[in-house]
PDB file of N, CA and C in Angstrom:
ATOM      1  N   GLN A   1       7.847   3.176 -17.635  1.00  0.00           N
ATOM      2  CA  GLN A   1       8.132   4.103 -16.757  1.00  0.00           C
ATOM      3  C   GLN A   1       7.319   4.247 -15.459  1.00  0.00           C
ATOM      4  N   LEU A   2       7.800   4.784 -14.458  1.00  0.00           N
ATOM      5  CA  LEU A   2       7.018   5.041 -13.300  1.00  0.00           C
ATOM      6  C   LEU A   2       7.099   6.466 -12.841  1.00  0.00           C
ATOM      7  N   GLN A   3       5.870   7.240 -12.418  1.00  0.00           N
ATOM      8  CA  GLN A   3       5.724   8.396 -12.233  1.00  0.00           C
ATOM      9  C   GLN A   3       4.957   8.597 -10.784  1.00  0.00           C
ATOM     10  N   ALA A   4       5.623   8.970  -9.730  1.00  0.00           N
ATOM     11  CA  ALA A   4       4.977   9.307  -8.754  1.00  0.00           C
ATOM     12  C   ALA A   4       4.473  10.572  -8.585  1.00  0.00           C
ATOM     13  N   TYR A   5       3.471  10.828  -8.046  1.00  0.00           N
ATOM     14  CA  TYR A   5       2.533  12.195  -7.946  1.00  0.00           C
ATOM     15  C   TYR A   5       1.696  11.974  -6.337  1.00  0.00           C
ATOM     16  N   GLY A   6       1.400  13.098  -6.133  1.00  0.00           N
ATOM     17  CA  GLY A   6       0.422  13.385  -4.843  1.00  0.00           C
ATOM     18  C   GLY A   6       1.185  13.874  -3.661  1.00  0.00           C
ATOM     19  N   GLY A   7       2.549  14.444  -3.813  1.00  0.00           N
ATOM     20  CA  GLY A   7       3.426  15.020  -2.590  1.00  0.00           C
ATOM     21  C   GLY A   7       2.757  16.316  -2.551  1.00  0.00           C
ATOM     22  N   GLY A   8       3.180  16.974  -1.208  1.00  0.00           N
ATOM     23  CA  GLY A   8       2.850  18.140  -1.106  1.00  0.00           C
ATOM     24  C   GLY A   8       3.207  18.773   0.601  1.00  0.00           C
ATOM     25  N   LEU A   9       2.623  19.562   0.831  1.00  0.00           N
ATOM     26  CA  LEU A   9       2.881  20.158   2.314  1.00  0.00           C
ATOM     27  C   LEU A   9       1.640  20.038   2.919  1.00  0.00           C
ATOM     28  N   VAL A  10       1.751  19.301   4.189  1.00  0.00           N
ATOM     29  CA  VAL A  10       1.010  18.863   5.131  1.00  0.00           C
ATOM     30  C   VAL A  10       1.279  19.387   6.642  1.00  0.00           C
ATOM     31  N   GLN A  11       0.444  19.328   7.696  1.00  0.00           N
ATOM     32  CA  GLN A  11       0.748  19.638   8.983  1.00  0.00           C
ATOM     33  C   GLN A  11       0.809  18.155   9.437  1.00  0.00           C
ATOM     34  N   ALA A  12       1.422  18.138  10.675  1.00  0.00           N
ATOM     35  CA  ALA A  12       1.615  16.945  11.426  1.00  0.00           C
ATOM     36  C   ALA A  12       0.433  16.406  11.917  1.00  0.00           C
ATOM     37  N   GLY A  13       0.146  15.109  11.841  1.00  0.00           N
ATOM     38  CA  GLY A  13      -1.044  14.584  12.092  1.00  0.00           C
ATOM     39  C   GLY A  13      -2.070  14.348  10.783  1.00  0.00           C
ATOM     40  N   GLY A  14      -1.809  15.143   9.741  1.00  0.00           N
ATOM     41  CA  GLY A  14      -2.562  14.889   8.419  1.00  0.00           C
ATOM     42  C   GLY A  14      -2.234  13.816   7.601  1.00  0.00           C
ATOM     43  N   SER A  15      -2.831  13.566   6.448  1.00  0.00           N
ATOM     44  CA  SER A  15      -2.880  12.542   5.463  1.00  0.00           C
ATOM     45  C   SER A  15      -2.406  13.017   4.253  1.00  0.00           C
ATOM     46  N   LEU A  16      -1.934  12.066   3.473  1.00  0.00           N
ATOM     47  CA  LEU A  16      -1.757  12.160   1.976  1.00  0.00           C
ATOM     48  C   LEU A  16      -1.970  10.778   1.165  1.00  0.00           C
ATOM     49  N   ARG A  17      -2.190  10.955  -0.175  1.00  0.00           N
ATOM     50  CA  ARG A  17      -2.274   9.825  -0.716  1.00  0.00           C
ATOM     51  C   ARG A  17      -1.310   9.605  -2.091  1.00  0.00           C
ATOM     52  N   LEU A  18      -0.206   8.941  -1.974  1.00  0.00           N
ATOM     53  CA  LEU A  18       0.682   9.015  -3.140  1.00  0.00           C
ATOM     54  C   LEU A  18       0.188   8.277  -4.366  1.00  0.00           C
ATOM     55  N   SER A  19       0.499   8.237  -5.269  1.00  0.00           N
ATOM     56  CA  SER A  19       0.142   7.589  -6.450  1.00  0.00           C
ATOM     57  C   SER A  19       1.316   7.332  -7.208  1.00  0.00           C
ATOM     58  N   CYS A  20       1.439   6.116  -7.632  1.00  0.00           N
ATOM     59  CA  CYS A  20       2.695   5.685  -8.775  1.00  0.00           C
ATOM     60  C   CYS A  20       2.057   5.102  -9.903  1.00  0.00           C
ATOM     61  N   ALA A  21       1.966   5.851 -10.982  1.00  0.00           N
ATOM     62  CA  ALA A  21       1.506   5.264 -12.403  1.00  0.00           C
ATOM     63  C   ALA A  21       2.704   4.950 -13.257  1.00  0.00           C
ATOM     64  N   ALA A  22       2.017   3.534 -13.867  1.00  0.00           N
ATOM     65  CA  ALA A  22       2.869   3.015 -14.805  1.00  0.00           C
ATOM     66  C   ALA A  22       2.815   3.090 -16.193  1.00  0.00           C
ATOM     67  N   SER A  23       3.782   3.098 -17.084  1.00  0.00           N
ATOM     68  CA  SER A  23       3.501   2.977 -18.668  1.00  0.00           C
ATOM     69  C   SER A  23       4.671   2.316 -19.285  1.00  0.00           C
ATOM     70  N   GLY A  24       4.383   1.742 -20.445  1.00  0.00           N
ATOM     71  CA  GLY A  24       5.396   1.106 -21.073  1.00  0.00           C
ATOM     72  C   GLY A  24       5.971  -0.402 -20.524  1.00  0.00           C
ATOM     73  N   ARG A  25       5.300  -0.772 -19.441  1.00  0.00           N
ATOM     74  CA  ARG A  25       5.755  -1.927 -18.909  1.00  0.00           C
ATOM     75  C   ARG A  25       4.738  -2.934 -18.560  1.00  0.00           C
ATOM     76  N   THR A  26       4.977  -4.294 -18.423  1.00  0.00           N
ATOM     77  CA  THR A  26       3.729  -5.409 -17.974  1.00  0.00           C
ATOM     78  C   THR A  26       3.557  -4.986 -16.498  1.00  0.00           C
ATOM     79  N   PHE A  27       2.784  -4.005 -16.086  1.00  0.00           N
ATOM     80  CA  PHE A  27       2.971  -3.471 -14.864  1.00  0.00           C
ATOM     81  C   PHE A  27       2.331  -4.336 -13.706  1.00  0.00           C
ATOM     82  N   SER A  28       1.471  -5.036 -14.132  1.00  0.00           N
ATOM     83  CA  SER A  28       0.781  -6.138 -13.171  1.00  0.00           C
ATOM     84  C   SER A  28       1.721  -7.440 -12.858  1.00  0.00           C
ATOM     85  N   SER A  29       2.822  -7.508 -13.522  1.00  0.00           N
ATOM     86  CA  SER A  29       3.994  -8.440 -13.377  1.00  0.00           C
ATOM     87  C   SER A  29       4.880  -8.352 -12.221  1.00  0.00           C
ATOM     88  N   TYR A  30       4.923  -7.071 -11.930  1.00  0.00           N
ATOM     89  CA  TYR A  30       5.890  -6.373 -11.061  1.00  0.00           C
ATOM     90  C   TYR A  30       5.601  -6.250  -9.470  1.00  0.00           C
ATOM     91  N   ASP A  31       6.035  -6.769  -8.635  1.00  0.00           N
ATOM     92  CA  ASP A  31       6.060  -6.130  -7.349  1.00  0.00           C
ATOM     93  C   ASP A  31       6.465  -4.630  -7.378  1.00  0.00           C
ATOM     94  N   ILE A  32       6.106  -3.746  -6.700  1.00  0.00           N
ATOM     95  CA  ILE A  32       6.242  -2.115  -6.538  1.00  0.00           C
ATOM     96  C   ILE A  32       6.585  -1.894  -5.041  1.00  0.00           C
ATOM     97  N   GLY A  33       7.655  -1.117  -4.962  1.00  0.00           N
ATOM     98  CA  GLY A  33       7.889  -0.728  -3.450  1.00  0.00           C
ATOM     99  C   GLY A  33       7.810   0.935  -3.943  1.00  0.00           C
ATOM    100  N   TRP A  34       7.747   1.267  -2.481  1.00  0.00           N
ATOM    101  CA  TRP A  34       7.673   2.882  -2.266  1.00  0.00           C
ATOM    102  C   TRP A  34       9.008   3.205  -1.239  1.00  0.00           C
ATOM    103  N   PHE A  35       9.818   3.905  -1.805  1.00  0.00           N
ATOM    104  CA  PHE A  35      10.911   4.409  -1.106  1.00  0.00           C
ATOM    105  C   PHE A  35      11.040   5.702  -0.632  1.00  0.00           C
ATOM    106  N   ARG A  36      11.840   6.460   0.197  1.00  0.00           N
ATOM    107  CA  ARG A  36      11.878   7.846   0.776  1.00  0.00           C
ATOM    108  C   ARG A  36      13.199   8.086   0.839  1.00  0.00           C
ATOM    109  N   GLN A  37      13.705   9.153   0.632  1.00  0.00           N
ATOM    110  CA  GLN A  37      15.015  10.029   0.814  1.00  0.00           C
ATOM    111  C   GLN A  37      14.828  11.229   1.404  1.00  0.00           C
ATOM    112  N   ALA A  38      15.145  11.314   2.691  1.00  0.00           N
ATOM    113  CA  ALA A  38      14.966  12.760   3.518  1.00  0.00           C
ATOM    114  C   ALA A  38      16.326  13.456   3.349  1.00  0.00           C
ATOM    115  N   PRO A  39      16.797  14.467   3.008  1.00  0.00           N
ATOM    116  CA  PRO A  39      17.697  15.544   3.324  1.00  0.00           C
ATOM    117  C   PRO A  39      19.003  14.894   3.747  1.00  0.00           C
ATOM    118  N   GLY A  40      19.898  14.715   2.987  1.00  0.00           N
ATOM    119  CA  GLY A  40      21.430  14.017   3.712  1.00  0.00           C
ATOM    120  C   GLY A  40      21.129  12.855   4.287  1.00  0.00           C
ATOM    121  N   LYS A  41      20.374  11.915   4.007  1.00  0.00           N
ATOM    122  CA  LYS A  41      20.201  10.366   4.220  1.00  0.00           C
ATOM    123  C   LYS A  41      19.987   9.332   3.300  1.00  0.00           C
ATOM    124  N   GLU A  42      20.046   8.467   3.527  1.00  0.00           N
ATOM    125  CA  GLU A  42      20.024   7.407   2.474  1.00  0.00           C
ATOM    126  C   GLU A  42      18.801   7.264   2.054  1.00  0.00           C
ATOM    127  N   ARG A  43      18.269   6.600   0.893  1.00  0.00           N
ATOM    128  CA  ARG A  43      17.097   6.133   0.143  1.00  0.00           C
ATOM    129  C   ARG A  43      16.671   4.937   1.063  1.00  0.00           C
ATOM    130  N   VAL A  44      15.438   5.001   1.698  1.00  0.00           N
ATOM    131  CA  VAL A  44      15.246   3.379   2.451  1.00  0.00           C
ATOM    132  C   VAL A  44      13.829   3.294   1.713  1.00  0.00           C
ATOM    133  N   ARG A  45      13.535   1.785   1.766  1.00  0.00           N
ATOM    134  CA  ARG A  45      12.237   1.402   1.590  1.00  0.00           C
ATOM    135  C   ARG A  45      11.092   1.500   2.736  1.00  0.00           C
ATOM    136  N   VAL A  46      10.026   1.804   2.369  1.00  0.00           N
ATOM    137  CA  VAL A  46       8.932   2.232   3.323  1.00  0.00           C
ATOM    138  C   VAL A  46       7.982   1.284   3.307  1.00  0.00           C
ATOM    139  N   ALA A  47       7.637   0.719   2.024  1.00  0.00           N
ATOM    140  CA  ALA A  47       6.492  -0.385   1.796  1.00  0.00           C
ATOM    141  C   ALA A  47       6.709  -0.977   0.519  1.00  0.00           C
ATOM    142  N   ALA A  48       6.135  -1.805   0.129  1.00  0.00           N
ATOM    143  CA  ALA A  48       6.120  -2.854  -1.036  1.00  0.00           C
ATOM    144  C   ALA A  48       4.928  -3.690  -0.718  1.00  0.00           C
ATOM    145  N   ILE A  49       4.586  -3.877  -2.397  1.00  0.00           N
ATOM    146  CA  ILE A  49       3.090  -4.871  -2.489  1.00  0.00           C
ATOM    147  C   ILE A  49       3.486  -5.790  -3.646  1.00  0.00           C
ATOM    148  N   SER A  50       3.228  -6.848  -3.535  1.00  0.00           N
ATOM    149  CA  SER A  50       3.251  -8.243  -4.680  1.00  0.00           C
ATOM    150  C   SER A  50       2.289  -7.612  -5.618  1.00  0.00           C
ATOM    151  N   TRP A  51       3.076  -8.247  -6.963  1.00  0.00           N
ATOM    152  CA  TRP A  51       1.979  -7.950  -8.077  1.00  0.00           C
ATOM    153  C   TRP A  51       0.586  -8.232  -8.025  1.00  0.00           C
ATOM    154  N   SER A  52       0.301  -9.173  -7.170  1.00  0.00           N
ATOM    155  CA  SER A  52      -1.166  -9.465  -7.157  1.00  0.00           C
ATOM    156  C   SER A  52      -1.786  -8.640  -6.120  1.00  0.00           C
ATOM    157  N   GLY A  53      -0.827  -7.772  -5.325  1.00  0.00           N
ATOM    158  CA  GLY A  53      -1.557  -7.114  -4.306  1.00  0.00           C
ATOM    159  C   GLY A  53      -1.862  -8.108  -2.745  1.00  0.00           C
ATOM    160  N   GLY A  54      -1.525  -9.619  -3.075  1.00  0.00           N
ATOM    161  CA  GLY A  54      -1.715 -10.277  -1.907  1.00  0.00           C
ATOM    162  C   GLY A  54      -0.761 -10.174  -0.499  1.00  0.00           C
ATOM    163  N   SER A  55       0.424  -9.766  -0.952  1.00  0.00           N
ATOM    164  CA  SER A  55       1.462  -9.523   0.096  1.00  0.00           C
ATOM    165  C   SER A  55       1.833  -8.300   0.157  1.00  0.00           C
ATOM    166  N   THR A  56       2.118  -7.733   1.330  1.00  0.00           N
ATOM    167  CA  THR A  56       2.869  -6.405   1.560  1.00  0.00           C
ATOM    168  C   THR A  56       4.001  -6.470   2.515  1.00  0.00           C
ATOM    169  N   TYR A  57       4.791  -5.327   2.377  1.00  0.00           N
ATOM    170  CA  TYR A  57       5.607  -4.978   3.547  1.00  0.00           C
ATOM    171  C   TYR A  57       5.887  -3.688   4.012  1.00  0.00           C
ATOM    172  N   TYR A  58       5.914  -3.408   5.173  1.00  0.00           N
ATOM    173  CA  TYR A  58       6.013  -2.103   5.797  1.00  0.00           C
ATOM    174  C   TYR A  58       7.159  -2.055   6.638  1.00  0.00           C
ATOM    175  N   ALA A  59       8.075  -0.793   6.309  1.00  0.00           N
ATOM    176  CA  ALA A  59       8.945  -0.648   7.314  1.00  0.00           C
ATOM    177  C   ALA A  59       8.547  -0.174   8.800  1.00  0.00           C
ATOM    178  N   ALA A  60       9.227  -0.362   9.794  1.00  0.00           N
ATOM    179  CA  ALA A  60       8.586  -0.392  11.297  1.00  0.00           C
ATOM    180  C   ALA A  60       8.235   0.913  11.695  1.00  0.00           C
ATOM    181  N   SER A  61       9.236   2.104  11.028  1.00  0.00           N
ATOM    182  CA  SER A  61       8.654   3.260  10.937  1.00  0.00           C
ATOM    183  C   SER A  61       7.361   3.648  10.568  1.00  0.00           C
ATOM    184  N   VAL A  62       6.609   2.823   9.507  1.00  0.00           N
ATOM    185  CA  VAL A  62       5.523   3.531   9.076  1.00  0.00           C
ATOM    186  C   VAL A  62       4.211   2.431   9.145  1.00  0.00           C
ATOM    187  N   LYS A  63       4.683   1.065   9.532  1.00  0.00           N
ATOM    188  CA  LYS A  63       3.611   0.393  10.238  1.00  0.00           C
ATOM    189  C   LYS A  63       2.780   0.943  11.062  1.00  0.00           C
ATOM    190  N   GLY A  64       1.373   0.483  10.531  1.00  0.00           N
ATOM    191  CA  GLY A  64       0.065   1.184  11.098  1.00  0.00           C
ATOM    192  C   GLY A  64      -0.371   2.481  10.846  1.00  0.00           C
ATOM    193  N   ARG A  65       0.440   3.204  10.355  1.00  0.00           N
ATOM    194  CA  ARG A  65       0.190   4.317   9.683  1.00  0.00           C
ATOM    195  C   ARG A  65       0.088   4.739   8.051  1.00  0.00           C
ATOM    196  N   PHE A  66       0.708   3.876   7.440  1.00  0.00           N
ATOM    197  CA  PHE A  66       0.738   3.764   5.877  1.00  0.00           C
ATOM    198  C   PHE A  66       0.196   2.436   5.501  1.00  0.00           C
ATOM    199  N   THR A  67      -0.633   2.592   4.234  1.00  0.00           N
ATOM    200  CA  THR A  67      -1.140   1.737   3.711  1.00  0.00           C
ATOM    201  C   THR A  67      -0.878   1.598   2.186  1.00  0.00           C
ATOM    202  N   ILE A  68      -0.696   0.379   1.586  1.00  0.00           N
ATOM    203  CA  ILE A  68       0.128   0.083   0.349  1.00  0.00           C
ATOM    204  C   ILE A  68      -1.113  -0.424  -0.530  1.00  0.00           C
ATOM    205  N   SER A  69      -1.315  -0.128  -1.538  1.00  0.00           N
ATOM    206  CA  SER A  69      -2.460  -0.974  -2.339  1.00  0.00           C
ATOM    207  C   SER A  69      -2.008  -0.719  -3.812  1.00  0.00           C
ATOM    208  N   ARG A  70      -3.053  -1.548  -4.833  1.00  0.00           N
ATOM    209  CA  ARG A  70      -2.352  -1.203  -5.998  1.00  0.00           C
ATOM    210  C   ARG A  70      -3.891  -1.722  -6.828  1.00  0.00           C
ATOM    211  N   ASP A  71      -3.833  -0.985  -7.988  1.00  0.00           N
ATOM    212  CA  ASP A  71      -5.113  -1.301  -8.865  1.00  0.00           C
ATOM    213  C   ASP A  71      -4.679  -1.267 -10.209  1.00  0.00           C
ATOM    214  N   ASN A  72      -4.150  -2.807 -10.383  1.00  0.00           N
ATOM    215  CA  ASN A  72      -3.488  -3.382 -11.794  1.00  0.00           C
ATOM    216  C   ASN A  72      -4.560  -2.685 -12.888  1.00  0.00           C
ATOM    217  N   ALA A  73      -5.513  -2.696 -12.944  1.00  0.00           N
ATOM    218  CA  ALA A  73      -6.294  -2.257 -14.134  1.00  0.00           C
ATOM    219  C   ALA A  73      -6.003  -0.855 -14.624  1.00  0.00           C
ATOM    220  N   LYS A  74      -5.868   0.128 -13.552  1.00  0.00           N
ATOM    221  CA  LYS A  74      -5.326   1.207 -13.718  1.00  0.00           C
ATOM    222  C   LYS A  74      -3.748   1.461 -13.676  1.00  0.00           C
ATOM    223  N   ASN A  75      -3.055   0.512 -13.375  1.00  0.00           N
ATOM    224  CA  ASN A  75      -1.803   0.873 -13.781  1.00  0.00           C
ATOM    225  C   ASN A  75      -1.106   1.456 -12.572  1.00  0.00           C
ATOM    226  N   THR A  76      -1.853   1.439 -11.350  1.00  0.00           N
ATOM    227  CA  THR A  76      -1.361   2.308 -10.193  1.00  0.00           C
ATOM    228  C   THR A  76      -1.256   1.819  -9.093  1.00  0.00           C
ATOM    229  N   VAL A  77      -0.143   2.114  -8.266  1.00  0.00           N
ATOM    230  CA  VAL A  77      -0.012   1.726  -6.569  1.00  0.00           C
ATOM    231  C   VAL A  77       0.024   3.136  -6.075  1.00  0.00           C
ATOM    232  N   TYR A  78      -0.662   2.482  -4.953  1.00  0.00           N
ATOM    233  CA  TYR A  78      -1.248   3.869  -3.881  1.00  0.00           C
ATOM    234  C   TYR A  78      -0.523   3.987  -2.607  1.00  0.00           C
ATOM    235  N   LEU A  79      -0.169   4.934  -2.149  1.00  0.00           N
ATOM    236  CA  LEU A  79       0.629   4.908  -0.427  1.00  0.00           C
ATOM    237  C   LEU A  79      -0.332   5.681   0.161  1.00  0.00           C
ATOM    238  N   GLN A  80      -1.330   5.203   1.015  1.00  0.00           N
ATOM    239  CA  GLN A  80      -1.962   6.227   2.013  1.00  0.00           C
ATOM    240  C   GLN A  80      -1.040   6.482   3.206  1.00  0.00           C
ATOM    241  N   MET A  81      -1.140   7.630   3.386  1.00  0.00           N
ATOM    242  CA  MET A  81      -0.263   8.052   4.325  1.00  0.00           C
ATOM    243  C   MET A  81      -0.967   8.830   5.323  1.00  0.00           C
ATOM    244  N   ASN A  82      -1.153   8.329   6.721  1.00  0.00           N
ATOM    245  CA  ASN A  82      -1.994   8.902   7.778  1.00  0.00           C
ATOM    246  C   ASN A  82      -1.082   9.291   8.825  1.00  0.00           C
ATOM    247  N   SER A  83      -1.503   9.930   9.815  1.00  0.00           N
ATOM    248  CA  SER A  83      -0.902  10.256  10.828  1.00  0.00           C
ATOM    249  C   SER A  83       0.597  10.696  10.867  1.00  0.00           C
ATOM    250  N   LEU A  84       0.790  11.733   9.844  1.00  0.00           N
ATOM    251  CA  LEU A  84       1.871  11.936   9.145  1.00  0.00           C
ATOM    252  C   LEU A  84       2.564  12.722  10.407  1.00  0.00           C
ATOM    253  N   LYS A  85       3.894  12.681  10.287  1.00  0.00           N
ATOM    254  CA  LYS A  85       4.882  13.235  11.326  1.00  0.00           C
ATOM    255  C   LYS A  85       5.983  13.980  10.785  1.00  0.00           C
ATOM    256  N   PRO A  86       6.921  15.061  11.324  1.00  0.00           N
ATOM    257  CA  PRO A  86       7.667  15.746  10.519  1.00  0.00           C
ATOM    258  C   PRO A  86       8.795  14.781   9.917  1.00  0.00           C
ATOM    259  N   GLU A  87       9.199  13.624  10.509  1.00  0.00           N
ATOM    260  CA  GLU A  87      10.155  13.014  10.349  1.00  0.00           C
ATOM    261  C   GLU A  87       9.741  12.200   8.695  1.00  0.00           C
ATOM    262  N   ASP A  88       8.581  12.343   8.487  1.00  0.00           N
ATOM    263  CA  ASP A  88       8.253  11.625   7.297  1.00  0.00           C
ATOM    264  C   ASP A  88       8.354  12.576   6.128  1.00  0.00           C
ATOM    265  N   THR A  89       8.966  13.669   6.343  1.00  0.00           N
ATOM    266  CA  THR A  89       9.351  14.898   5.174  1.00  0.00           C
ATOM    267  C   THR A  89      10.461  13.853   4.467  1.00  0.00           C
ATOM    268  N   ALA A  90      10.329  14.099   3.013  1.00  0.00           N
ATOM    269  CA  ALA A  90      11.452  13.158   2.273  1.00  0.00           C
ATOM    270  C   ALA A  90      10.937  13.399   0.768  1.00  0.00           C
ATOM    271  N   VAL A  91      11.529  13.243  -0.081  1.00  0.00           N
ATOM    272  CA  VAL A  91      11.094  12.412  -1.247  1.00  0.00           C
ATOM    273  C   VAL A  91      10.898  11.214  -1.718  1.00  0.00           C
ATOM    274  N   TYR A  92       9.668  11.025  -2.107  1.00  0.00           N
ATOM    275  CA  TYR A  92       9.137   9.443  -2.130  1.00  0.00           C
ATOM    276  C   TYR A  92       9.535   9.211  -3.557  1.00  0.00           C
ATOM    277  N   TYR A  93       9.742   7.888  -3.773  1.00  0.00           N
ATOM    278  CA  TYR A  93      10.059   7.184  -4.998  1.00  0.00           C
ATOM    279  C   TYR A  93       9.156   5.749  -5.031  1.00  0.00           C
ATOM    280  N   CYS A  94       8.686   5.723  -6.399  1.00  0.00           N
ATOM    281  CA  CYS A  94       8.441   3.971  -6.547  1.00  0.00           C
ATOM    282  C   CYS A  94       9.236   3.465  -7.225  1.00  0.00           C
ATOM    283  N   ALA A  95       9.419   2.160  -7.214  1.00  0.00           N
ATOM    284  CA  ALA A  95      10.147   1.468  -7.760  1.00  0.00           C
ATOM    285  C   ALA A  95       9.711  -0.128  -8.226  1.00  0.00           C
ATOM    286  N   GLY A  96      10.201  -0.622  -9.488  1.00  0.00           N
ATOM    287  CA  GLY A  96       9.636  -1.890  -9.675  1.00  0.00           C
ATOM    288  C   GLY A  96      10.497  -2.904  -9.159  1.00  0.00           C
ATOM    289  N   LEU A  97      10.242  -3.989  -8.417  1.00  0.00           N
ATOM    290  CA  LEU A  97      10.913  -4.653  -7.612  1.00  0.00           C
ATOM    291  C   LEU A  97      10.816  -6.380  -8.477  1.00  0.00           C
ATOM    292  N   LYS A  98      11.913  -6.823  -8.974  1.00  0.00           N
ATOM    293  CA  LYS A  98      12.172  -7.721  -9.874  1.00  0.00           C
ATOM    294  C   LYS A  98      11.750  -9.369  -9.028  1.00  0.00           C
ATOM    295  N   LEU A  99      12.701  -9.323  -7.931  1.00  0.00           N
ATOM    296  CA  LEU A  99      13.096 -10.577  -6.976  1.00  0.00           C
ATOM    297  C   LEU A  99      12.249 -10.522  -5.760  1.00  0.00           C
ATOM    298  N   GLY A 100      11.276  -9.576  -5.573  1.00  0.00           N
ATOM    299  CA  GLY A 100      10.389  -9.732  -4.435  1.00  0.00           C
ATOM    300  C   GLY A 100      10.601  -8.414  -3.660  1.00  0.00           C
ATOM    301  N   LEU A 101       9.482  -8.442  -2.524  1.00  0.00           N
ATOM    302  CA  LEU A 101       9.239  -7.429  -1.979  1.00  0.00           C
ATOM    303  C   LEU A 101      10.292  -6.502  -1.307  1.00  0.00           C
ATOM    304  N   THR A 102      11.400  -7.072  -0.952  1.00  0.00           N
ATOM    305  CA  THR A 102      12.481  -6.584  -0.299  1.00  0.00           C
ATOM    306  C   THR A 102      13.809  -6.802  -1.143  1.00  0.00           C
ATOM    307  N   SER A 103      13.726  -6.970  -2.437  1.00  0.00           N
ATOM    308  CA  SER A 103      14.727  -6.843  -3.048  1.00  0.00           C
ATOM    309  C   SER A 103      15.209  -5.563  -3.828  1.00  0.00           C
ATOM    310  N   ALA A 104      16.310  -5.673  -4.687  1.00  0.00           N
ATOM    311  CA  ALA A 104      16.922  -4.281  -4.913  1.00  0.00           C
ATOM    312  C   ALA A 104      16.030  -3.800  -6.134  1.00  0.00           C
ATOM    313  N   PRO A 105      15.543  -2.639  -6.194  1.00  0.00           N
ATOM    314  CA  PRO A 105      15.051  -2.203  -7.531  1.00  0.00           C
ATOM    315  C   PRO A 105      15.512  -2.435  -8.642  1.00  0.00           C
ATOM    316  N   ASP A 106      14.817  -2.578  -9.743  1.00  0.00           N
ATOM    317  CA  ASP A 106      14.836  -2.856 -11.043  1.00  0.00           C
ATOM    318  C   ASP A 106      14.872  -1.794 -11.839  1.00  0.00           C
ATOM    319  N   PHE A 107      13.952  -0.676 -11.509  1.00  0.00           N
ATOM    320  CA  PHE A 107      13.865   0.334 -12.417  1.00  0.00           C
ATOM    321  C   PHE A 107      13.270   1.586 -11.175  1.00  0.00           C
ATOM    322  N   TRP A 108      13.512   2.685 -11.471  1.00  0.00           N
ATOM    323  CA  TRP A 108      12.987   3.717 -10.813  1.00  0.00           C
ATOM    324  C   TRP A 108      11.981   4.551 -11.288  1.00  0.00           C
ATOM    325  N   GLY A 109      10.924   5.197 -10.756  1.00  0.00           N
ATOM    326  CA  GLY A 109      10.202   6.333 -10.894  1.00  0.00           C
ATOM    327  C   GLY A 109      10.830   7.601 -10.634  1.00  0.00           C
ATOM    328  N   GLN A 110      10.428   8.993 -11.133  1.00  0.00           N
ATOM    329  CA  GLN A 110      10.558  10.114 -10.266  1.00  0.00           C
ATOM    330  C   GLN A 110       9.729  10.106  -9.477  1.00  0.00           C
ATOM    331  N   GLY A 111      10.577  11.210  -8.254  1.00  0.00           N
ATOM    332  CA  GLY A 111      10.075  11.257  -7.115  1.00  0.00           C
ATOM    333  C   GLY A 111       8.892  12.444  -6.853  1.00  0.00           C
ATOM    334  N   THR A 112       8.410  12.466  -5.716  1.00  0.00           N
ATOM    335  CA  THR A 112       7.396  13.596  -5.117  1.00  0.00           C
ATOM    336  C   THR A 112       7.620  13.836  -3.896  1.00  0.00           C
ATOM    337  N   LEU A 113       7.593  15.062  -3.689  1.00  0.00           N
ATOM    338  CA  LEU A 113       8.381  15.678  -2.239  1.00  0.00           C
ATOM    339  C   LEU A 113       7.056  15.895  -1.456  1.00  0.00           C
ATOM    340  N   VAL A 114       7.128  15.191  -0.204  1.00  0.00           N
ATOM    341  CA  VAL A 114       6.243  15.196   0.886  1.00  0.00           C
ATOM    342  C   VAL A 114       7.072  16.164   1.938  1.00  0.00           C
ATOM    343  N   THR A 115       6.363  17.029   2.662  1.00  0.00           N
ATOM    344  CA  THR A 115       6.620  17.971   3.667  1.00  0.00           C
ATOM    345  C   THR A 115       5.748  18.069   4.723  1.00  0.00           C
ATOM    346  N   VAL A 116       6.209  17.576   5.916  1.00  0.00           N
ATOM    347  CA  VAL A 116       5.279  17.682   7.136  1.00  0.00           C
ATOM    348  C   VAL A 116       6.000  18.580   8.229  1.00  0.00           C
ATOM    349  N   SER A 117       4.896  19.512   8.214  1.00  0.00           N
ATOM    350  CA  SER A 117       5.149  20.666   9.271  1.00  0.00           C
ATOM    351  C   SER A 117       5.073  20.225  10.578  1.00  0.00           C
ATOM    352  N   SER A 118       5.553  21.022  11.375  1.00  0.00           N
ATOM    353  CA  SER A 118       5.360  20.497  12.623  1.00  0.00           C
ATOM    354  C   SER A 118       4.184  21.530  13.351  1.00  0.00           C
TER     355      SER A 118
END
């Protein structure tokens, strides 16, 4: 299971760090992705990290502002979000990726809401 947390309300230009904690699986063998879904929109991938942490992926919309990292000893993946914009408002989900950083998710965690006020 995956559980995302760390969301909240922040002003534009601010920062948040999301965490994705895993249990019950061989966490360190999975690539992990962060996705977000804004109201009325499709869920989209914003970042992903390989099982070793050696490779990362970022969507163009967040590149340079968001940083994904992981600590396999703590079974946790992080998403550091800086310079937040109102358009970053969404429910953020983490997911296990079995076939690579841009593959379809194999399993999902519960989401956490991020609201960025202007």
